[in-house]
């Protein structure tokens, strides 16, 4: 995990992922990813669909039907694998397929219907659609002792600044955000699946990958174990880390370097790389902005394998 001095100290936007299952009894399954980057995409939400949830927290069946029709979900087989741009092409969108699902809910459980949550579809595999939260939800430290920037920390835990994602403040905050959203949008628990529930074994043990074109390696790309220690590669267990494999059962979670930038067999420029095949032009908007809760955010973001 490559963490600069600045990255350890500044509060950065949360990134999360979750899995979507069985929308309105259609047998549709999706995976949902992330709260990252100041804004994760330069694209606007598809205006022909509408928000998948009503402001009272119920699922909007009409908009869900439009969403699934646009995705051509009934023709997706378990063997289909699509990257972000391929999903966009399938739906007739340019660059990315972006849509609204839900609204901002504060730590007290109050919904704000003027703040829809924007999501980007980034990856489809084994009948699951990975989606990435495109507008930042809040701003938080990865780890900073007992300190929190977002107001979403509920425990008294003292988080080591060298701790990994599975034992981090950012993970606690991510889980707490999911809990509040699921409390307001009650269908979420039925339609969202954790990697463990979805049998997404490919997500459990993603290998290390080069950090850009340098000799640095990112680690902890998997959600259950660390891999690839040895010559020329990052130590899979720095700082005496113990990995809490329960993260594999989280409903919301941060993506890793492998999803967003380089996979283990890639080096060089970031454009069109990573498991999702996302691009600088359409998907990584590296500018500061304001999170849904009003907090200022940096152009940097957190991943479970470190900072970017």
C-alpha atoms as a PDB file:
ATOM      1  CA  UNK A   1       0.000   0.000   0.000  1.00  0.00           C
ATOM      2  CA  UNK A   2       1.604   3.248  -1.132  1.00  0.00           C
ATOM      3  CA  UNK A   3       0.584   6.095   1.168  1.00  0.00           C
ATOM      4  CA  UNK A   4       2.181   9.504   0.836  1.00  0.00           C
ATOM      5  CA  UNK A   5       2.548  11.729   3.886  1.00  0.00           C
ATOM      6  CA  UNK A   6      -0.192  13.945   2.488  1.00  0.00           C
ATOM      7  CA  UNK A   7      -2.491  11.027   1.833  1.00  0.00           C
ATOM      8  CA  UNK A   8      -2.202   9.821   5.422  1.00  0.00           C
ATOM      9  CA  UNK A   9      -3.255  13.167   6.822  1.00  0.00           C
ATOM     10  CA  UNK A  10      -5.821  14.772   4.549  1.00  0.00           C
ATOM     11  CA  UNK A  11      -9.419  13.659   4.587  1.00  0.00           C
ATOM     12  CA  UNK A  12     -10.397  12.050   1.324  1.00  0.00           C
ATOM     13  CA  UNK A  13     -13.576  10.844  -0.247  1.00  0.00           C
ATOM     14  CA  UNK A  14     -14.996   7.458   0.528  1.00  0.00           C
ATOM     15  CA  UNK A  15     -15.136   4.785  -2.140  1.00  0.00           C
ATOM     16  CA  UNK A  16     -17.537   1.862  -1.896  1.00  0.00           C
ATOM     17  CA  UNK A  17     -18.828  -1.104  -3.727  1.00  0.00           C
ATOM     18  CA  UNK A  18     -21.901  -3.280  -3.305  1.00  0.00           C
ATOM     19  CA  UNK A  19     -23.791  -6.028  -5.045  1.00  0.00           C
ATOM     20  CA  UNK A  20     -27.313  -5.663  -6.303  1.00  0.00           C
ATOM     21  CA  UNK A  21     -29.627  -8.666  -6.474  1.00  0.00           C
ATOM     22  CA  UNK A  22     -33.117  -9.574  -7.744  1.00  0.00           C
ATOM     23  CA  UNK A  23     -34.745  -6.284  -8.650  1.00  0.00           C
ATOM     24  CA  UNK A  24     -38.528  -6.401  -8.327  1.00  0.00           C
ATOM     25  CA  UNK A  25     -38.717 -10.131  -8.696  1.00  0.00           C
ATOM     26  CA  UNK A  26     -37.132 -10.100 -12.135  1.00  0.00           C
ATOM     27  CA  UNK A  27     -34.215 -12.316 -11.142  1.00  0.00           C
ATOM     28  CA  UNK A  28     -31.853  -9.488 -12.101  1.00  0.00           C
ATOM     29  CA  UNK A  29     -28.615  -9.239 -10.200  1.00  0.00           C
ATOM     30  CA  UNK A  30     -26.185  -6.398 -10.025  1.00  0.00           C
ATOM     31  CA  UNK A  31     -23.079  -5.552  -8.019  1.00  0.00           C
ATOM     32  CA  UNK A  32     -22.658  -2.046  -6.837  1.00  0.00           C
ATOM     33  CA  UNK A  33     -19.385  -0.256  -6.355  1.00  0.00           C
ATOM     34  CA  UNK A  34     -18.255   2.862  -4.665  1.00  0.00           C
ATOM     35  CA  UNK A  35     -18.250   6.383  -3.295  1.00  0.00           C
ATOM     36  CA  UNK A  36     -14.954   7.567  -4.787  1.00  0.00           C
ATOM     37  CA  UNK A  37     -13.200  10.481  -6.516  1.00  0.00           C
ATOM     38  CA  UNK A  38     -14.406  14.044  -6.280  1.00  0.00           C
ATOM     39  CA  UNK A  39     -16.701  12.907  -9.033  1.00  0.00           C
ATOM     40  CA  UNK A  40     -15.969   9.481 -10.439  1.00  0.00           C
ATOM     41  CA  UNK A  41     -17.338  10.250 -13.883  1.00  0.00           C
ATOM     42  CA  UNK A  42     -17.667  13.206 -16.237  1.00  0.00           C
ATOM     43  CA  UNK A  43     -20.984  11.845 -17.501  1.00  0.00           C
ATOM     44  CA  UNK A  44     -24.511  12.840 -16.457  1.00  0.00           C
ATOM     45  CA  UNK A  45     -27.185  10.393 -15.314  1.00  0.00           C
ATOM     46  CA  UNK A  46     -29.329   8.877 -18.070  1.00  0.00           C
ATOM     47  CA  UNK A  47     -32.373  11.170 -18.163  1.00  0.00           C
ATOM     48  CA  UNK A  48     -34.624   8.494 -19.700  1.00  0.00           C
ATOM     49  CA  UNK A  49     -34.595   6.286 -16.599  1.00  0.00           C
ATOM     50  CA  UNK A  50     -35.249   8.312 -13.448  1.00  0.00           C
ATOM     51  CA  UNK A  51     -34.297   7.403  -9.880  1.00  0.00           C
ATOM     52  CA  UNK A  52     -34.647   3.707  -9.034  1.00  0.00           C
ATOM     53  CA  UNK A  53     -36.081   4.682  -5.625  1.00  0.00           C
ATOM     54  CA  UNK A  54     -38.917   6.963  -4.593  1.00  0.00           C
ATOM     55  CA  UNK A  55     -38.356   9.652  -1.977  1.00  0.00           C
ATOM     56  CA  UNK A  56     -40.396   7.632   0.533  1.00  0.00           C
ATOM     57  CA  UNK A  57     -37.757   4.879   0.313  1.00  0.00           C
ATOM     58  CA  UNK A  58     -39.759   2.458  -1.816  1.00  0.00           C
ATOM     59  CA  UNK A  59     -38.474   0.973  -5.058  1.00  0.00           C
ATOM     60  CA  UNK A  60     -39.775   2.683  -8.208  1.00  0.00           C
ATOM     61  CA  UNK A  61     -40.903  -0.284 -10.310  1.00  0.00           C
ATOM     62  CA  UNK A  62     -41.395   1.767 -13.481  1.00  0.00           C
ATOM     63  CA  UNK A  63     -37.890   3.233 -13.379  1.00  0.00           C
ATOM     64  CA  UNK A  64     -36.364  -0.124 -12.480  1.00  0.00           C
ATOM     65  CA  UNK A  65     -38.059  -1.615 -15.546  1.00  0.00           C
ATOM     66  CA  UNK A  66     -36.613   1.172 -17.713  1.00  0.00           C
ATOM     67  CA  UNK A  67     -33.192   0.548 -16.200  1.00  0.00           C
ATOM     68  CA  UNK A  68     -33.253  -3.183 -16.913  1.00  0.00           C
ATOM     69  CA  UNK A  69     -34.600  -2.642 -20.414  1.00  0.00           C
ATOM     70  CA  UNK A  70     -31.841  -0.123 -21.175  1.00  0.00           C
ATOM     71  CA  UNK A  71     -29.276  -2.600 -19.858  1.00  0.00           C
ATOM     72  CA  UNK A  72     -30.856  -5.401 -21.928  1.00  0.00           C
ATOM     73  CA  UNK A  73     -30.579  -7.480 -18.803  1.00  0.00           C
ATOM     74  CA  UNK A  74     -32.674 -10.430 -19.961  1.00  0.00           C
ATOM     75  CA  UNK A  75     -30.119 -11.194 -22.685  1.00  0.00           C
ATOM     76  CA  UNK A  76     -27.144 -11.235 -20.314  1.00  0.00           C
ATOM     77  CA  UNK A  77     -25.852 -14.741 -19.690  1.00  0.00           C
ATOM     78  CA  UNK A  78     -23.717 -15.945 -16.814  1.00  0.00           C
ATOM     79  CA  UNK A  79     -20.722 -16.114 -19.137  1.00  0.00           C
ATOM     80  CA  UNK A  80     -20.965 -12.472 -20.219  1.00  0.00           C
ATOM     81  CA  UNK A  81     -18.149 -10.150 -19.131  1.00  0.00           C
ATOM     82  CA  UNK A  82     -18.365  -6.450 -19.989  1.00  0.00           C
ATOM     83  CA  UNK A  83     -16.188  -3.474 -19.032  1.00  0.00           C
ATOM     84  CA  UNK A  84     -17.425   0.055 -18.349  1.00  0.00           C
ATOM     85  CA  UNK A  85     -17.289   1.281 -21.952  1.00  0.00           C
ATOM     86  CA  UNK A  86     -18.853  -1.939 -23.257  1.00  0.00           C
ATOM     87  CA  UNK A  87     -21.784  -1.515 -20.852  1.00  0.00           C
ATOM     88  CA  UNK A  88     -22.180   2.092 -22.011  1.00  0.00           C
ATOM     89  CA  UNK A  89     -22.202   0.960 -25.645  1.00  0.00           C
ATOM     90  CA  UNK A  90     -24.796  -1.702 -24.830  1.00  0.00           C
ATOM     91  CA  UNK A  91     -27.091   0.922 -23.311  1.00  0.00           C
ATOM     92  CA  UNK A  92     -26.597   3.464 -26.086  1.00  0.00           C
ATOM     93  CA  UNK A  93     -24.704   5.876 -23.838  1.00  0.00           C
ATOM     94  CA  UNK A  94     -21.452   7.630 -24.680  1.00  0.00           C
ATOM     95  CA  UNK A  95     -18.507   6.975 -22.368  1.00  0.00           C
ATOM     96  CA  UNK A  96     -20.328   5.615 -19.318  1.00  0.00           C
ATOM     97  CA  UNK A  97     -23.738   4.313 -18.273  1.00  0.00           C
ATOM     98  CA  UNK A  98     -24.744   6.527 -15.332  1.00  0.00           C
ATOM     99  CA  UNK A  99     -28.016   6.547 -13.405  1.00  0.00           C
ATOM    100  CA  UNK A 100     -29.677   7.642 -10.153  1.00  0.00           C
ATOM    101  CA  UNK A 101     -30.377   5.242  -7.316  1.00  0.00           C
ATOM    102  CA  UNK A 102     -31.467   6.549  -3.935  1.00  0.00           C
ATOM    103  CA  UNK A 103     -30.899   9.843  -2.122  1.00  0.00           C
ATOM    104  CA  UNK A 104     -28.514  11.154   0.490  1.00  0.00           C
ATOM    105  CA  UNK A 105     -29.320   9.990   4.027  1.00  0.00           C
ATOM    106  CA  UNK A 106     -27.565  11.703   6.949  1.00  0.00           C
ATOM    107  CA  UNK A 107     -26.129  10.010  10.080  1.00  0.00           C
ATOM    108  CA  UNK A 108     -29.492  10.524  11.842  1.00  0.00           C
ATOM    109  CA  UNK A 109     -31.328   8.638   9.100  1.00  0.00           C
ATOM    110  CA  UNK A 110     -32.929  11.720   7.516  1.00  0.00           C
ATOM    111  CA  UNK A 111     -33.317  11.583   3.739  1.00  0.00           C
ATOM    112  CA  UNK A 112     -32.614  14.605   1.521  1.00  0.00           C
ATOM    113  CA  UNK A 113     -34.649  14.210  -1.665  1.00  0.00           C
ATOM    114  CA  UNK A 114     -32.805  17.115  -3.326  1.00  0.00           C
ATOM    115  CA  UNK A 115     -29.586  15.065  -3.361  1.00  0.00           C
ATOM    116  CA  UNK A 116     -29.918  11.961  -5.568  1.00  0.00           C
ATOM    117  CA  UNK A 117     -27.042   9.472  -5.485  1.00  0.00           C
ATOM    118  CA  UNK A 118     -25.420   8.954  -8.882  1.00  0.00           C
ATOM    119  CA  UNK A 119     -23.972   5.590  -9.909  1.00  0.00           C
ATOM    120  CA  UNK A 120     -21.888   4.384 -12.833  1.00  0.00           C
ATOM    121  CA  UNK A 121     -22.021   0.830 -14.184  1.00  0.00           C
ATOM    122  CA  UNK A 122     -18.407  -0.326 -14.433  1.00  0.00           C
ATOM    123  CA  UNK A 123     -18.241  -4.101 -14.820  1.00  0.00           C
ATOM    124  CA  UNK A 124     -20.464  -7.077 -15.537  1.00  0.00           C
ATOM    125  CA  UNK A 125     -19.397 -10.620 -14.782  1.00  0.00           C
ATOM    126  CA  UNK A 126     -21.185 -13.863 -13.910  1.00  0.00           C
ATOM    127  CA  UNK A 127     -24.564 -12.152 -14.045  1.00  0.00           C
ATOM    128  CA  UNK A 128     -23.538  -9.395 -11.595  1.00  0.00           C
ATOM    129  CA  UNK A 129     -23.257  -5.738 -12.473  1.00  0.00           C
ATOM    130  CA  UNK A 130     -20.658  -3.698 -10.619  1.00  0.00           C
ATOM    131  CA  UNK A 131     -21.600  -0.073 -10.104  1.00  0.00           C
ATOM    132  CA  UNK A 132     -19.555   2.780  -8.682  1.00  0.00           C
ATOM    133  CA  UNK A 133     -20.932   5.704  -6.686  1.00  0.00           C
ATOM    134  CA  UNK A 134     -20.075   8.662  -8.897  1.00  0.00           C
ATOM    135  CA  UNK A 135     -20.700  11.595  -6.562  1.00  0.00           C
ATOM    136  CA  UNK A 136     -18.788  11.586  -3.290  1.00  0.00           C
ATOM    137  CA  UNK A 137     -20.854  10.914  -0.186  1.00  0.00           C
ATOM    138  CA  UNK A 138     -18.523  12.334   2.447  1.00  0.00           C
ATOM    139  CA  UNK A 139     -14.872  13.066   3.214  1.00  0.00           C
ATOM    140  CA  UNK A 140     -12.941  10.856   5.615  1.00  0.00           C
ATOM    141  CA  UNK A 141      -9.511   9.661   6.727  1.00  0.00           C
ATOM    142  CA  UNK A 142      -8.349   6.161   5.865  1.00  0.00           C
ATOM    143  CA  UNK A 143      -7.037   5.855   9.431  1.00  0.00           C
ATOM    144  CA  UNK A 144      -6.218   8.607  11.924  1.00  0.00           C
ATOM    145  CA  UNK A 145      -6.239   7.237  15.456  1.00  0.00           C
ATOM    146  CA  UNK A 146      -9.550   8.134  17.102  1.00  0.00           C
ATOM    147  CA  UNK A 147     -10.164  11.128  14.839  1.00  0.00           C
ATOM    148  CA  UNK A 148     -12.869  11.268  12.180  1.00  0.00           C
ATOM    149  CA  UNK A 149     -13.678  13.970   9.642  1.00  0.00           C
ATOM    150  CA  UNK A 150     -17.060  12.795   8.386  1.00  0.00           C
ATOM    151  CA  UNK A 151     -19.165  12.364  11.506  1.00  0.00           C
ATOM    152  CA  UNK A 152     -19.952   8.792  10.438  1.00  0.00           C
ATOM    153  CA  UNK A 153     -17.651   7.101  12.996  1.00  0.00           C
ATOM    154  CA  UNK A 154     -19.719   5.475  15.738  1.00  0.00           C
ATOM    155  CA  UNK A 155     -17.133   3.318  17.536  1.00  0.00           C
ATOM    156  CA  UNK A 156     -14.415   4.286  20.004  1.00  0.00           C
ATOM    157  CA  UNK A 157     -11.794   2.384  17.994  1.00  0.00           C
ATOM    158  CA  UNK A 158      -8.269   3.783  17.764  1.00  0.00           C
ATOM    159  CA  UNK A 159      -7.182   3.099  14.186  1.00  0.00           C
ATOM    160  CA  UNK A 160      -3.464   2.761  13.467  1.00  0.00           C
ATOM    161  CA  UNK A 161      -2.315   4.993  10.608  1.00  0.00           C
ATOM    162  CA  UNK A 162      -0.500   1.992   9.130  1.00  0.00           C
ATOM    163  CA  UNK A 163      -3.495  -0.349   9.401  1.00  0.00           C
ATOM    164  CA  UNK A 164      -4.943  -2.078   6.353  1.00  0.00           C
ATOM    165  CA  UNK A 165      -8.418  -1.594   4.896  1.00  0.00           C
ATOM    166  CA  UNK A 166      -9.968  -4.532   6.704  1.00  0.00           C
ATOM    167  CA  UNK A 167      -9.144  -2.853  10.037  1.00  0.00           C
ATOM    168  CA  UNK A 168      -9.721   0.778   9.094  1.00  0.00           C
ATOM    169  CA  UNK A 169     -11.841   3.805   9.863  1.00  0.00           C
ATOM    170  CA  UNK A 170     -12.763   4.112   6.204  1.00  0.00           C
ATOM    171  CA  UNK A 171     -14.280   0.636   6.289  1.00  0.00           C
ATOM    172  CA  UNK A 172     -16.283   1.446   9.438  1.00  0.00           C
ATOM    173  CA  UNK A 173     -17.642   4.612   7.837  1.00  0.00           C
ATOM    174  CA  UNK A 174     -18.474   2.808   4.610  1.00  0.00           C
ATOM    175  CA  UNK A 175     -20.423   0.148   6.500  1.00  0.00           C
ATOM    176  CA  UNK A 176     -22.249   2.798   8.564  1.00  0.00           C
ATOM    177  CA  UNK A 177     -23.312   4.646   5.421  1.00  0.00           C
ATOM    178  CA  UNK A 178     -24.716   1.422   3.994  1.00  0.00           C
ATOM    179  CA  UNK A 179     -26.602   0.757   7.230  1.00  0.00           C
ATOM    180  CA  UNK A 180     -28.331   4.155   7.119  1.00  0.00           C
ATOM    181  CA  UNK A 181     -29.194   3.835   3.430  1.00  0.00           C
ATOM    182  CA  UNK A 182     -30.560   0.325   3.969  1.00  0.00           C
ATOM    183  CA  UNK A 183     -32.634   1.628   6.877  1.00  0.00           C
ATOM    184  CA  UNK A 184     -34.300   4.166   4.594  1.00  0.00           C
ATOM    185  CA  UNK A 185     -34.382   2.154   1.354  1.00  0.00           C
ATOM    186  CA  UNK A 186     -35.468  -1.163   2.808  1.00  0.00           C
ATOM    187  CA  UNK A 187     -35.286  -3.043  -0.495  1.00  0.00           C
ATOM    188  CA  UNK A 188     -31.488  -2.598  -0.541  1.00  0.00           C
ATOM    189  CA  UNK A 189     -30.938  -5.580   1.735  1.00  0.00           C
ATOM    190  CA  UNK A 190     -32.898  -7.764  -0.670  1.00  0.00           C
ATOM    191  CA  UNK A 191     -31.271  -6.558  -3.869  1.00  0.00           C
ATOM    192  CA  UNK A 192     -27.685  -6.023  -2.747  1.00  0.00           C
ATOM    193  CA  UNK A 193     -25.337  -8.959  -2.314  1.00  0.00           C
ATOM    194  CA  UNK A 194     -21.915  -9.016  -0.725  1.00  0.00           C
ATOM    195  CA  UNK A 195     -19.088 -10.640  -2.704  1.00  0.00           C
ATOM    196  CA  UNK A 196     -19.376 -13.647  -0.388  1.00  0.00           C
ATOM    197  CA  UNK A 197     -23.120 -14.014  -0.970  1.00  0.00           C
ATOM    198  CA  UNK A 198     -22.680 -13.623  -4.704  1.00  0.00           C
ATOM    199  CA  UNK A 199     -19.944 -16.215  -4.853  1.00  0.00           C
ATOM    200  CA  UNK A 200     -17.644 -13.632  -6.440  1.00  0.00           C
ATOM    201  CA  UNK A 201     -14.479 -15.638  -5.824  1.00  0.00           C
ATOM    202  CA  UNK A 202     -12.659 -13.572  -8.452  1.00  0.00           C
ATOM    203  CA  UNK A 203     -13.064 -10.589  -6.118  1.00  0.00           C
ATOM    204  CA  UNK A 204     -11.610 -12.340  -3.100  1.00  0.00           C
ATOM    205  CA  UNK A 205      -7.968 -12.699  -4.065  1.00  0.00           C
ATOM    206  CA  UNK A 206      -7.052 -10.177  -6.757  1.00  0.00           C
ATOM    207  CA  UNK A 207      -3.281 -10.119  -7.221  1.00  0.00           C
ATOM    208  CA  UNK A 208      -0.829  -7.278  -6.688  1.00  0.00           C
ATOM    209  CA  UNK A 209      -0.363  -4.791  -9.518  1.00  0.00           C
ATOM    210  CA  UNK A 210       2.136  -2.147 -10.538  1.00  0.00           C
ATOM    211  CA  UNK A 211       1.455   1.371  -9.376  1.00  0.00           C
ATOM    212  CA  UNK A 212       1.524   3.240 -12.722  1.00  0.00           C
ATOM    213  CA  UNK A 213       4.709   2.594 -14.701  1.00  0.00           C
ATOM    214  CA  UNK A 214       6.934   2.704 -11.612  1.00  0.00           C
ATOM    215  CA  UNK A 215       8.401  -0.184  -9.653  1.00  0.00           C
ATOM    216  CA  UNK A 216       5.872   0.301  -6.833  1.00  0.00           C
ATOM    217  CA  UNK A 217       3.306  -2.409  -6.260  1.00  0.00           C
ATOM    218  CA  UNK A 218      -0.144  -1.972  -4.805  1.00  0.00           C
ATOM    219  CA  UNK A 219      -1.314  -4.677  -2.431  1.00  0.00           C
ATOM    220  CA  UNK A 220      -4.454  -5.835  -0.631  1.00  0.00           C
ATOM    221  CA  UNK A 221      -6.369  -5.812  -3.898  1.00  0.00           C
ATOM    222  CA  UNK A 222      -8.285  -8.885  -2.791  1.00  0.00           C
ATOM    223  CA  UNK A 223     -11.029  -8.899  -0.164  1.00  0.00           C
ATOM    224  CA  UNK A 224      -9.985 -12.009   1.676  1.00  0.00           C
ATOM    225  CA  UNK A 225      -6.229 -12.546   1.411  1.00  0.00           C
ATOM    226  CA  UNK A 226      -3.096 -10.796   0.217  1.00  0.00           C
ATOM    227  CA  UNK A 227      -0.981 -12.367  -2.498  1.00  0.00           C
ATOM    228  CA  UNK A 228       2.234 -12.066  -4.477  1.00  0.00           C
ATOM    229  CA  UNK A 229       4.879 -11.483  -1.851  1.00  0.00           C
ATOM    230  CA  UNK A 230       8.411 -12.109  -3.059  1.00  0.00           C
ATOM    231  CA  UNK A 231      11.025 -10.833  -5.461  1.00  0.00           C
ATOM    232  CA  UNK A 232      10.095  -7.582  -7.184  1.00  0.00           C
ATOM    233  CA  UNK A 233       6.666  -7.417  -5.580  1.00  0.00           C
ATOM    234  CA  UNK A 234       5.207  -5.798  -2.515  1.00  0.00           C
ATOM    235  CA  UNK A 235       5.264  -7.696   0.738  1.00  0.00           C
ATOM    236  CA  UNK A 236       1.801  -9.174   1.203  1.00  0.00           C
ATOM    237  CA  UNK A 237       1.964  -8.630   4.965  1.00  0.00           C
ATOM    238  CA  UNK A 238       3.597  -5.272   5.752  1.00  0.00           C
ATOM    239  CA  UNK A 239       3.536  -3.860   9.286  1.00  0.00           C
ATOM    240  CA  UNK A 240       2.595  -7.292  10.635  1.00  0.00           C
ATOM    241  CA  UNK A 241      -0.926  -6.920   9.250  1.00  0.00           C
ATOM    242  CA  UNK A 242      -3.630  -9.414  10.028  1.00  0.00           C
ATOM    243  CA  UNK A 243      -6.369  -9.445   7.401  1.00  0.00           C
ATOM    244  CA  UNK A 244      -9.992  -9.520   8.595  1.00  0.00           C
ATOM    245  CA  UNK A 245     -11.645 -11.679   5.946  1.00  0.00           C
ATOM    246  CA  UNK A 246     -15.125 -10.579   7.077  1.00  0.00           C
ATOM    247  CA  UNK A 247     -14.704  -7.670   4.647  1.00  0.00           C
ATOM    248  CA  UNK A 248     -15.625 -10.201   1.955  1.00  0.00           C
ATOM    249  CA  UNK A 249     -19.131 -10.146   3.442  1.00  0.00           C
ATOM    250  CA  UNK A 250     -19.524  -6.350   3.478  1.00  0.00           C
ATOM    251  CA  UNK A 251     -22.383  -4.957   1.389  1.00  0.00           C
ATOM    252  CA  UNK A 252     -20.510  -1.714   0.623  1.00  0.00           C
ATOM    253  CA  UNK A 253     -16.758  -1.748   0.094  1.00  0.00           C
ATOM    254  CA  UNK A 254     -13.940   0.199  -1.493  1.00  0.00           C
ATOM    255  CA  UNK A 255     -12.565  -0.926  -4.861  1.00  0.00           C
ATOM    256  CA  UNK A 256      -8.857  -1.521  -5.310  1.00  0.00           C
ATOM    257  CA  UNK A 257      -6.041  -0.481  -7.620  1.00  0.00           C
ATOM    258  CA  UNK A 258      -6.745  -3.574  -9.754  1.00  0.00           C
ATOM    259  CA  UNK A 259     -10.298  -2.467 -10.562  1.00  0.00           C
ATOM    260  CA  UNK A 260      -9.470   1.149 -11.329  1.00  0.00           C
ATOM    261  CA  UNK A 261      -5.962   1.389 -12.772  1.00  0.00           C
ATOM    262  CA  UNK A 262      -3.699  -1.567 -13.543  1.00  0.00           C
ATOM    263  CA  UNK A 263      -4.269  -5.299 -13.370  1.00  0.00           C
ATOM    264  CA  UNK A 264      -1.268  -7.533 -12.573  1.00  0.00           C
ATOM    265  CA  UNK A 265      -0.403  -8.002 -16.253  1.00  0.00           C
ATOM    266  CA  UNK A 266      -0.573  -4.286 -17.113  1.00  0.00           C
ATOM    267  CA  UNK A 267       1.997  -1.505 -16.809  1.00  0.00           C
ATOM    268  CA  UNK A 268       2.252   1.999 -18.168  1.00  0.00           C
ATOM    269  CA  UNK A 269      -0.403   4.674 -18.587  1.00  0.00           C
ATOM    270  CA  UNK A 270      -3.705   4.460 -16.699  1.00  0.00           C
ATOM    271  CA  UNK A 271      -5.979   5.140 -19.661  1.00  0.00           C
ATOM    272  CA  UNK A 272      -8.303   2.229 -20.552  1.00  0.00           C
ATOM    273  CA  UNK A 273      -6.714   0.017 -17.937  1.00  0.00           C
ATOM    274  CA  UNK A 274      -7.745  -1.841 -14.858  1.00  0.00           C
ATOM    275  CA  UNK A 275     -10.325  -4.590 -14.502  1.00  0.00           C
ATOM    276  CA  UNK A 276     -13.153  -2.178 -15.306  1.00  0.00           C
ATOM    277  CA  UNK A 277     -11.425  -0.598 -18.316  1.00  0.00           C
ATOM    278  CA  UNK A 278     -12.355   2.900 -17.142  1.00  0.00           C
ATOM    279  CA  UNK A 279     -10.701   5.951 -18.712  1.00  0.00           C
ATOM    280  CA  UNK A 280      -9.325   9.317 -17.688  1.00  0.00           C
ATOM    281  CA  UNK A 281     -11.576  11.008 -20.243  1.00  0.00           C
ATOM    282  CA  UNK A 282     -14.881   9.562 -19.021  1.00  0.00           C
ATOM    283  CA  UNK A 283     -14.462   8.031 -15.606  1.00  0.00           C
ATOM    284  CA  UNK A 284     -11.803   9.638 -13.414  1.00  0.00           C
ATOM    285  CA  UNK A 285     -12.603  13.286 -12.859  1.00  0.00           C
ATOM    286  CA  UNK A 286      -9.649  14.390 -10.749  1.00  0.00           C
ATOM    287  CA  UNK A 287     -10.972  17.666  -9.408  1.00  0.00           C
ATOM    288  CA  UNK A 288     -11.994  18.891  -5.985  1.00  0.00           C
ATOM    289  CA  UNK A 289     -15.700  19.153  -5.268  1.00  0.00           C
ATOM    290  CA  UNK A 290     -18.297  19.132  -2.502  1.00  0.00           C
ATOM    291  CA  UNK A 291     -19.600  15.843  -1.137  1.00  0.00           C
ATOM    292  CA  UNK A 292     -23.311  15.134  -0.718  1.00  0.00           C
ATOM    293  CA  UNK A 293     -23.025  15.999   2.978  1.00  0.00           C
ATOM    294  CA  UNK A 294     -21.494  19.396   2.134  1.00  0.00           C
ATOM    295  CA  UNK A 295     -17.902  18.547   3.063  1.00  0.00           C
ATOM    296  CA  UNK A 296     -15.084  19.683   0.792  1.00  0.00           C
ATOM    297  CA  UNK A 297     -13.274  16.895  -0.988  1.00  0.00           C
ATOM    298  CA  UNK A 298      -9.866  16.565  -2.568  1.00  0.00           C
ATOM    299  CA  UNK A 299      -9.014  15.320  -6.047  1.00  0.00           C
ATOM    300  CA  UNK A 300      -7.521  12.303  -4.308  1.00  0.00           C
ATOM    301  CA  UNK A 301      -9.504   9.235  -3.319  1.00  0.00           C
ATOM    302  CA  UNK A 302      -9.095   6.194  -1.127  1.00  0.00           C
ATOM    303  CA  UNK A 303      -8.914   2.631  -2.397  1.00  0.00           C
ATOM    304  CA  UNK A 304      -8.698  -0.451  -0.212  1.00  0.00           C
ATOM    305  CA  UNK A 305      -5.168  -0.881  -1.545  1.00  0.00           C
ATOM    306  CA  UNK A 306      -4.205   2.666  -0.590  1.00  0.00           C
ATOM    307  CA  UNK A 307      -4.561   6.188  -1.951  1.00  0.00           C
ATOM    308  CA  UNK A 308      -4.503   7.733  -5.409  1.00  0.00           C
END
